[in-house]
Amino acid sequence: METNKHKRVIFLNDDERNSKYPYTSNYIKTTKYTIITFLPLSLLIQFARVANVYFLIIAVLQSIPAISPLSPYTAYLPLLFVLVVS
């Protein structure tokens, strides 16, 4: 025989009465990003590609004035363009 303390009682469309019971929510999260995780996760995905890492290394090397005769913007702008477009 089943006792009352093992029954699950749910009242449809009545949040006040349902909040008395310690059941977990059925909330489903289908988003990939949140406001906080968008930038770190998108950068991680972008730099998982070898070409983007190559552009980053070239940009860092061109920003050192002793080894590069060009302006750093000539490397950072293509890197920024690739990251934004893809």
PDB file of N, CA and C in Angstrom:
ATOM      1  N   MET A   1       0.839  -1.178   0.000  1.00  0.00           N
ATOM      2  CA  MET A   1       0.000   0.000   0.000  1.00  0.00           C
ATOM      3  C   MET A   1       0.889   1.249   0.000  1.00  0.00           C
ATOM      4  N   GLU A   2       0.548   2.212  -0.818  1.00  0.00           N
ATOM      5  CA  GLU A   2       1.329   3.435  -0.964  1.00  0.00           C
ATOM      6  C   GLU A   2       0.870   4.471   0.056  1.00  0.00           C
ATOM      7  N   THR A   3       1.860   5.159   0.644  1.00  0.00           N
ATOM      8  CA  THR A   3       1.520   6.190   1.627  1.00  0.00           C
ATOM      9  C   THR A   3       1.434   7.554   0.949  1.00  0.00           C
ATOM     10  N   ASN A   4       0.872   8.505   1.653  1.00  0.00           N
ATOM     11  CA  ASN A   4       0.678   9.848   1.112  1.00  0.00           C
ATOM     12  C   ASN A   4       1.978  10.606   0.906  1.00  0.00           C
ATOM     13  N   LYS A   5       3.003  10.341   1.690  1.00  0.00           N
ATOM     14  CA  LYS A   5       4.234  11.114   1.570  1.00  0.00           C
ATOM     15  C   LYS A   5       5.021  10.760   0.313  1.00  0.00           C
ATOM     16  N   HIS A   6       4.697   9.699  -0.395  1.00  0.00           N
ATOM     17  CA  HIS A   6       5.386   9.326  -1.622  1.00  0.00           C
ATOM     18  C   HIS A   6       4.625   9.733  -2.877  1.00  0.00           C
ATOM     19  N   LYS A   7       3.466  10.330  -2.732  1.00  0.00           N
ATOM     20  CA  LYS A   7       2.699  10.779  -3.883  1.00  0.00           C
ATOM     21  C   LYS A   7       3.170  12.159  -4.310  1.00  0.00           C
ATOM     22  N   ARG A   8       3.136  12.379  -5.588  1.00  0.00           N
ATOM     23  CA  ARG A   8       3.481  13.693  -6.117  1.00  0.00           C
ATOM     24  C   ARG A   8       2.192  14.402  -6.509  1.00  0.00           C
ATOM     25  N   VAL A   9       1.957  15.513  -5.860  1.00  0.00           N
ATOM     26  CA  VAL A   9       0.739  16.271  -6.102  1.00  0.00           C
ATOM     27  C   VAL A   9       1.112  17.541  -6.859  1.00  0.00           C
ATOM     28  N   ILE A  10       0.467  17.745  -7.998  1.00  0.00           N
ATOM     29  CA  ILE A  10       0.713  18.925  -8.815  1.00  0.00           C
ATOM     30  C   ILE A  10      -0.625  19.571  -9.149  1.00  0.00           C
ATOM     31  N   PHE A  11      -0.673  20.884  -8.970  1.00  0.00           N
ATOM     32  CA  PHE A  11      -1.873  21.637  -9.292  1.00  0.00           C
ATOM     33  C   PHE A  11      -1.606  22.440 -10.564  1.00  0.00           C
ATOM     34  N   LEU A  12      -2.392  22.218 -11.568  1.00  0.00           N
ATOM     35  CA  LEU A  12      -2.194  22.886 -12.846  1.00  0.00           C
ATOM     36  C   LEU A  12      -2.516  24.368 -12.743  1.00  0.00           C
ATOM     37  N   ASN A  13      -1.622  25.176 -13.301  1.00  0.00           N
ATOM     38  CA  ASN A  13      -1.775  26.631 -13.353  1.00  0.00           C
ATOM     39  C   ASN A  13      -1.964  27.272 -11.979  1.00  0.00           C
ATOM     40  N   ASP A  14      -1.308  26.717 -10.983  1.00  0.00           N
ATOM     41  CA  ASP A  14      -1.404  27.271  -9.634  1.00  0.00           C
ATOM     42  C   ASP A  14      -0.009  27.263  -8.998  1.00  0.00           C
ATOM     43  N   ASP A  15       0.769  28.294  -9.281  1.00  0.00           N
ATOM     44  CA  ASP A  15       2.142  28.364  -8.787  1.00  0.00           C
ATOM     45  C   ASP A  15       2.225  28.493  -7.275  1.00  0.00           C
ATOM     46  N   GLU A  16       1.271  29.156  -6.677  1.00  0.00           N
ATOM     47  CA  GLU A  16       1.306  29.338  -5.224  1.00  0.00           C
ATOM     48  C   GLU A  16       1.191  28.000  -4.499  1.00  0.00           C
ATOM     49  N   ARG A  17       0.281  27.166  -4.915  1.00  0.00           N
ATOM     50  CA  ARG A  17       0.110  25.861  -4.250  1.00  0.00           C
ATOM     51  C   ARG A  17       1.251  24.917  -4.589  1.00  0.00           C
ATOM     52  N   ASN A  18       1.777  25.012  -5.813  1.00  0.00           N
ATOM     53  CA  ASN A  18       2.887  24.139  -6.201  1.00  0.00           C
ATOM     54  C   ASN A  18       4.194  24.515  -5.521  1.00  0.00           C
ATOM     55  N   SER A  19       4.346  25.767  -5.124  1.00  0.00           N
ATOM     56  CA  SER A  19       5.586  26.192  -4.482  1.00  0.00           C
ATOM     57  C   SER A  19       5.749  25.592  -3.080  1.00  0.00           C
ATOM     58  N   LYS A  20       4.713  25.037  -2.529  1.00  0.00           N
ATOM     59  CA  LYS A  20       4.800  24.401  -1.211  1.00  0.00           C
ATOM     60  C   LYS A  20       5.549  23.073  -1.266  1.00  0.00           C
ATOM     61  N   TYR A  21       5.648  22.492  -2.450  1.00  0.00           N
ATOM     62  CA  TYR A  21       6.290  21.181  -2.607  1.00  0.00           C
ATOM     63  C   TYR A  21       7.704  21.361  -3.172  1.00  0.00           C
ATOM     64  N   PRO A  22       8.663  20.571  -2.727  1.00  0.00           N
ATOM     65  CA  PRO A  22      10.067  20.769  -3.125  1.00  0.00           C
ATOM     66  C   PRO A  22      10.448  20.084  -4.441  1.00  0.00           C
ATOM     67  N   TYR A  23       9.633  20.178  -5.451  1.00  0.00           N
ATOM     68  CA  TYR A  23       9.941  19.532  -6.724  1.00  0.00           C
ATOM     69  C   TYR A  23      10.800  20.455  -7.583  1.00  0.00           C
ATOM     70  N   THR A  24      11.601  19.853  -8.422  1.00  0.00           N
ATOM     71  CA  THR A  24      12.451  20.648  -9.307  1.00  0.00           C
ATOM     72  C   THR A  24      11.627  21.232 -10.446  1.00  0.00           C
ATOM     73  N   SER A  25      12.168  22.270 -11.014  1.00  0.00           N
ATOM     74  CA  SER A  25      11.489  22.957 -12.105  1.00  0.00           C
ATOM     75  C   SER A  25      11.678  22.196 -13.415  1.00  0.00           C
ATOM     76  N   ASN A  26      10.767  22.389 -14.330  1.00  0.00           N
ATOM     77  CA  ASN A  26      10.878  21.790 -15.655  1.00  0.00           C
ATOM     78  C   ASN A  26      11.372  22.799 -16.670  1.00  0.00           C
ATOM     79  N   TYR A  27      12.083  23.816 -16.227  1.00  0.00           N
ATOM     80  CA  TYR A  27      12.595  24.865 -17.093  1.00  0.00           C
ATOM     81  C   TYR A  27      13.606  24.280 -18.075  1.00  0.00           C
ATOM     82  N   ILE A  28      13.473  24.618 -19.344  1.00  0.00           N
ATOM     83  CA  ILE A  28      14.368  24.136 -20.385  1.00  0.00           C
ATOM     84  C   ILE A  28      15.150  25.313 -20.934  1.00  0.00           C
ATOM     85  N   LYS A  29      16.459  25.180 -20.945  1.00  0.00           N
ATOM     86  CA  LYS A  29      17.327  26.234 -21.460  1.00  0.00           C
ATOM     87  C   LYS A  29      17.839  25.790 -22.828  1.00  0.00           C
ATOM     88  N   THR A  30      17.508  26.544 -23.864  1.00  0.00           N
ATOM     89  CA  THR A  30      17.910  26.162 -25.217  1.00  0.00           C
ATOM     90  C   THR A  30      18.885  27.154 -25.837  1.00  0.00           C
ATOM     91  N   THR A  31      19.411  28.082 -25.064  1.00  0.00           N
ATOM     92  CA  THR A  31      20.346  29.051 -25.605  1.00  0.00           C
ATOM     93  C   THR A  31      21.775  28.560 -25.454  1.00  0.00           C
ATOM     94  N   LYS A  32      22.600  28.921 -26.400  1.00  0.00           N
ATOM     95  CA  LYS A  32      24.004  28.532 -26.358  1.00  0.00           C
ATOM     96  C   LYS A  32      24.820  29.506 -25.517  1.00  0.00           C
ATOM     97  N   TYR A  33      24.467  30.783 -25.591  1.00  0.00           N
ATOM     98  CA  TYR A  33      25.210  31.822 -24.898  1.00  0.00           C
ATOM     99  C   TYR A  33      24.310  32.573 -23.921  1.00  0.00           C
ATOM    100  N   THR A  34      24.958  33.172 -22.927  1.00  0.00           N
ATOM    101  CA  THR A  34      24.300  34.163 -22.077  1.00  0.00           C
ATOM    102  C   THR A  34      25.040  35.482 -22.290  1.00  0.00           C
ATOM    103  N   ILE A  35      24.592  36.523 -21.661  1.00  0.00           N
ATOM    104  CA  ILE A  35      25.254  37.822 -21.807  1.00  0.00           C
ATOM    105  C   ILE A  35      26.688  37.749 -21.286  1.00  0.00           C
ATOM    106  N   ILE A  36      26.903  37.004 -20.235  1.00  0.00           N
ATOM    107  CA  ILE A  36      28.224  36.914 -19.614  1.00  0.00           C
ATOM    108  C   ILE A  36      29.167  36.017 -20.412  1.00  0.00           C
ATOM    109  N   THR A  37      28.660  34.920 -20.976  1.00  0.00           N
ATOM    110  CA  THR A  37      29.537  33.945 -21.632  1.00  0.00           C
ATOM    111  C   THR A  37      29.692  34.147 -23.132  1.00  0.00           C
ATOM    112  N   PHE A  38      29.028  35.142 -23.718  1.00  0.00           N
ATOM    113  CA  PHE A  38      29.081  35.297 -25.172  1.00  0.00           C
ATOM    114  C   PHE A  38      30.501  35.556 -25.675  1.00  0.00           C
ATOM    115  N   LEU A  39      31.164  36.569 -25.144  1.00  0.00           N
ATOM    116  CA  LEU A  39      32.490  36.939 -25.634  1.00  0.00           C
ATOM    117  C   LEU A  39      33.534  35.841 -25.384  1.00  0.00           C
ATOM    118  N   PRO A  40      33.665  35.282 -24.176  1.00  0.00           N
ATOM    119  CA  PRO A  40      34.672  34.237 -23.986  1.00  0.00           C
ATOM    120  C   PRO A  40      34.423  32.988 -24.844  1.00  0.00           C
ATOM    121  N   LEU A  41      33.186  32.546 -24.933  1.00  0.00           N
ATOM    122  CA  LEU A  41      32.916  31.339 -25.719  1.00  0.00           C
ATOM    123  C   LEU A  41      33.087  31.574 -27.210  1.00  0.00           C
ATOM    124  N   SER A  42      32.677  32.728 -27.691  1.00  0.00           N
ATOM    125  CA  SER A  42      32.841  32.985 -29.120  1.00  0.00           C
ATOM    126  C   SER A  42      34.316  33.129 -29.485  1.00  0.00           C
ATOM    127  N   LEU A  43      35.130  33.745 -28.621  1.00  0.00           N
ATOM    128  CA  LEU A  43      36.569  33.822 -28.885  1.00  0.00           C
ATOM    129  C   LEU A  43      37.221  32.445 -28.826  1.00  0.00           C
ATOM    130  N   LEU A  44      36.779  31.615 -27.913  1.00  0.00           N
ATOM    131  CA  LEU A  44      37.315  30.253 -27.836  1.00  0.00           C
ATOM    132  C   LEU A  44      37.000  29.475 -29.112  1.00  0.00           C
ATOM    133  N   ILE A  45      35.803  29.619 -29.612  1.00  0.00           N
ATOM    134  CA  ILE A  45      35.422  28.933 -30.848  1.00  0.00           C
ATOM    135  C   ILE A  45      36.206  29.484 -32.032  1.00  0.00           C
ATOM    136  N   GLN A  46      36.381  30.808 -32.079  1.00  0.00           N
ATOM    137  CA  GLN A  46      37.112  31.416 -33.192  1.00  0.00           C
ATOM    138  C   GLN A  46      38.583  31.007 -33.201  1.00  0.00           C
ATOM    139  N   PHE A  47      39.221  30.988 -32.030  1.00  0.00           N
ATOM    140  CA  PHE A  47      40.644  30.670 -31.990  1.00  0.00           C
ATOM    141  C   PHE A  47      40.912  29.175 -31.950  1.00  0.00           C
ATOM    142  N   ALA A  48      39.881  28.365 -32.046  1.00  0.00           N
ATOM    143  CA  ALA A  48      40.081  26.929 -32.236  1.00  0.00           C
ATOM    144  C   ALA A  48      40.493  26.652 -33.685  1.00  0.00           C
ATOM    145  N   ARG A  49      40.246  27.612 -34.561  1.00  0.00           N
ATOM    146  CA  ARG A  49      40.659  27.500 -35.968  1.00  0.00           C
ATOM    147  C   ARG A  49      42.109  27.952 -36.102  1.00  0.00           C
ATOM    148  N   VAL A  50      42.894  27.189 -36.835  1.00  0.00           N
ATOM    149  CA  VAL A  50      44.321  27.466 -36.973  1.00  0.00           C
ATOM    150  C   VAL A  50      44.557  28.781 -37.706  1.00  0.00           C
ATOM    151  N   ALA A  51      43.754  29.094 -38.686  1.00  0.00           N
ATOM    152  CA  ALA A  51      43.945  30.328 -39.450  1.00  0.00           C
ATOM    153  C   ALA A  51      43.803  31.558 -38.559  1.00  0.00           C
ATOM    154  N   ASN A  52      42.871  31.541 -37.632  1.00  0.00           N
ATOM    155  CA  ASN A  52      42.685  32.690 -36.743  1.00  0.00           C
ATOM    156  C   ASN A  52      43.846  32.833 -35.768  1.00  0.00           C
ATOM    157  N   VAL A  53      44.400  31.715 -35.324  1.00  0.00           N
ATOM    158  CA  VAL A  53      45.581  31.772 -34.456  1.00  0.00           C
ATOM    159  C   VAL A  53      46.754  32.347 -35.241  1.00  0.00           C
ATOM    160  N   TYR A  54      46.885  31.954 -36.518  1.00  0.00           N
ATOM    161  CA  TYR A  54      47.942  32.496 -37.379  1.00  0.00           C
ATOM    162  C   TYR A  54      47.802  34.014 -37.508  1.00  0.00           C
ATOM    163  N   PHE A  55      46.585  34.505 -37.772  1.00  0.00           N
ATOM    164  CA  PHE A  55      46.362  35.947 -37.870  1.00  0.00           C
ATOM    165  C   PHE A  55      46.704  36.654 -36.558  1.00  0.00           C
ATOM    166  N   LEU A  56      46.404  36.034 -35.436  1.00  0.00           N
ATOM    167  CA  LEU A  56      46.720  36.629 -34.137  1.00  0.00           C
ATOM    168  C   LEU A  56      48.221  36.721 -33.927  1.00  0.00           C
ATOM    169  N   ILE A  57      48.952  35.665 -34.261  1.00  0.00           N
ATOM    170  CA  ILE A  57      50.414  35.673 -34.099  1.00  0.00           C
ATOM    171  C   ILE A  57      51.035  36.738 -34.996  1.00  0.00           C
ATOM    172  N   ILE A  58      50.574  36.834 -36.233  1.00  0.00           N
ATOM    173  CA  ILE A  58      51.091  37.857 -37.148  1.00  0.00           C
ATOM    174  C   ILE A  58      50.789  39.254 -36.622  1.00  0.00           C
ATOM    175  N   ALA A  59      49.603  39.454 -36.076  1.00  0.00           N
ATOM    176  CA  ALA A  59      49.235  40.767 -35.540  1.00  0.00           C
ATOM    177  C   ALA A  59      50.116  41.140 -34.358  1.00  0.00           C
ATOM    178  N   VAL A  60      50.408  40.187 -33.494  1.00  0.00           N
ATOM    179  CA  VAL A  60      51.271  40.464 -32.347  1.00  0.00           C
ATOM    180  C   VAL A  60      52.686  40.781 -32.817  1.00  0.00           C
ATOM    181  N   LEU A  61      53.196  40.016 -33.782  1.00  0.00           N
ATOM    182  CA  LEU A  61      54.543  40.274 -34.287  1.00  0.00           C
ATOM    183  C   LEU A  61      54.640  41.628 -34.993  1.00  0.00           C
ATOM    184  N   GLN A  62      53.602  42.023 -35.710  1.00  0.00           N
ATOM    185  CA  GLN A  62      53.641  43.311 -36.394  1.00  0.00           C
ATOM    186  C   GLN A  62      53.438  44.488 -35.459  1.00  0.00           C
ATOM    187  N   SER A  63      53.001  44.238 -34.265  1.00  0.00           N
ATOM    188  CA  SER A  63      52.846  45.340 -33.309  1.00  0.00           C
ATOM    189  C   SER A  63      54.154  45.661 -32.594  1.00  0.00           C
ATOM    190  N   ILE A  64      55.199  44.852 -32.814  1.00  0.00           N
ATOM    191  CA  ILE A  64      56.520  45.126 -32.239  1.00  0.00           C
ATOM    192  C   ILE A  64      57.299  45.987 -33.235  1.00  0.00           C
ATOM    193  N   PRO A  65      57.588  47.244 -32.909  1.00  0.00           N
ATOM    194  CA  PRO A  65      58.208  48.149 -33.884  1.00  0.00           C
ATOM    195  C   PRO A  65      59.627  47.741 -34.292  1.00  0.00           C
ATOM    196  N   ALA A  66      60.336  46.992 -33.471  1.00  0.00           N
ATOM    197  CA  ALA A  66      61.718  46.628 -33.787  1.00  0.00           C
ATOM    198  C   ALA A  66      61.808  45.598 -34.913  1.00  0.00           C
ATOM    199  N   ILE A  67      60.758  44.803 -35.117  1.00  0.00           N
ATOM    200  CA  ILE A  67      60.833  43.755 -36.139  1.00  0.00           C
ATOM    201  C   ILE A  67      59.870  43.961 -37.293  1.00  0.00           C
ATOM    202  N   SER A  68      59.036  44.985 -37.233  1.00  0.00           N
ATOM    203  CA  SER A  68      58.054  45.192 -38.296  1.00  0.00           C
ATOM    204  C   SER A  68      58.075  46.643 -38.774  1.00  0.00           C
ATOM    205  N   PRO A  69      58.225  46.840 -40.076  1.00  0.00           N
ATOM    206  CA  PRO A  69      58.208  48.212 -40.588  1.00  0.00           C
ATOM    207  C   PRO A  69      56.788  48.761 -40.796  1.00  0.00           C
ATOM    208  N   LEU A  70      55.789  47.897 -40.672  1.00  0.00           N
ATOM    209  CA  LEU A  70      54.405  48.300 -40.924  1.00  0.00           C
ATOM    210  C   LEU A  70      53.711  48.744 -39.645  1.00  0.00           C
ATOM    211  N   SER A  71      52.617  49.412 -39.835  1.00  0.00           N
ATOM    212  CA  SER A  71      51.787  49.823 -38.704  1.00  0.00           C
ATOM    213  C   SER A  71      51.051  48.600 -38.149  1.00  0.00           C
ATOM    214  N   PRO A  72      50.828  48.529 -36.845  1.00  0.00           N
ATOM    215  CA  PRO A  72      50.091  47.389 -36.277  1.00  0.00           C
ATOM    216  C   PRO A  72      48.667  47.273 -36.808  1.00  0.00           C
ATOM    217  N   TYR A  73      48.093  48.389 -37.254  1.00  0.00           N
ATOM    218  CA  TYR A  73      46.725  48.352 -37.773  1.00  0.00           C
ATOM    219  C   TYR A  73      46.605  47.501 -39.033  1.00  0.00           C
ATOM    220  N   THR A  74      47.709  47.363 -39.776  1.00  0.00           N
ATOM    221  CA  THR A  74      47.646  46.551 -40.991  1.00  0.00           C
ATOM    222  C   THR A  74      47.477  45.073 -40.681  1.00  0.00           C
ATOM    223  N   ALA A  75      47.731  44.666 -39.467  1.00  0.00           N
ATOM    224  CA  ALA A  75      47.525  43.266 -39.072  1.00  0.00           C
ATOM    225  C   ALA A  75      46.267  43.096 -38.236  1.00  0.00           C
ATOM    226  N   TYR A  76      45.973  44.083 -37.389  1.00  0.00           N
ATOM    227  CA  TYR A  76      44.813  43.944 -36.515  1.00  0.00           C
ATOM    228  C   TYR A  76      43.487  44.081 -37.260  1.00  0.00           C
ATOM    229  N   LEU A  77      43.440  44.901 -38.272  1.00  0.00           N
ATOM    230  CA  LEU A  77      42.192  45.067 -39.021  1.00  0.00           C
ATOM    231  C   LEU A  77      41.781  43.791 -39.767  1.00  0.00           C
ATOM    232  N   PRO A  78      42.696  43.078 -40.464  1.00  0.00           N
ATOM    233  CA  PRO A  78      42.269  41.804 -41.068  1.00  0.00           C
ATOM    234  C   PRO A  78      41.844  40.764 -40.036  1.00  0.00           C
ATOM    235  N   LEU A  79      42.547  40.728 -38.901  1.00  0.00           N
ATOM    236  CA  LEU A  79      42.162  39.790 -37.838  1.00  0.00           C
ATOM    237  C   LEU A  79      40.776  40.132 -37.312  1.00  0.00           C
ATOM    238  N   LEU A  80      40.524  41.386 -37.072  1.00  0.00           N
ATOM    239  CA  LEU A  80      39.210  41.816 -36.594  1.00  0.00           C
ATOM    240  C   LEU A  80      38.117  41.507 -37.617  1.00  0.00           C
ATOM    241  N   PHE A  81      38.433  41.723 -38.882  1.00  0.00           N
ATOM    242  CA  PHE A  81      37.467  41.431 -39.941  1.00  0.00           C
ATOM    243  C   PHE A  81      37.128  39.941 -39.979  1.00  0.00           C
ATOM    244  N   VAL A  82      38.141  39.075 -39.884  1.00  0.00           N
ATOM    245  CA  VAL A  82      37.904  37.626 -39.912  1.00  0.00           C
ATOM    246  C   VAL A  82      37.091  37.177 -38.703  1.00  0.00           C
ATOM    247  N   LEU A  83      37.377  37.742 -37.541  1.00  0.00           N
ATOM    248  CA  LEU A  83      36.647  37.355 -36.337  1.00  0.00           C
ATOM    249  C   LEU A  83      35.190  37.820 -36.382  1.00  0.00           C
ATOM    250  N   VAL A  84      34.954  38.983 -36.937  1.00  0.00           N
ATOM    251  CA  VAL A  84      33.594  39.511 -36.984  1.00  0.00           C
ATOM    252  C   VAL A  84      32.756  38.780 -38.028  1.00  0.00           C
ATOM    253  N   VAL A  85      33.356  38.496 -39.181  1.00  0.00           N
ATOM    254  CA  VAL A  85      32.598  37.886 -40.270  1.00  0.00           C
ATOM    255  C   VAL A  85      32.286  36.414 -40.004  1.00  0.00           C
ATOM    256  N   SER A  86      33.223  35.682 -39.461  1.00  0.00           N
ATOM    257  CA  SER A  86      32.985  34.235 -39.280  1.00  0.00           C
ATOM    258  C   SER A  86      32.386  33.887 -37.952  1.00  0.00           C
TER     259      SER A  86
END
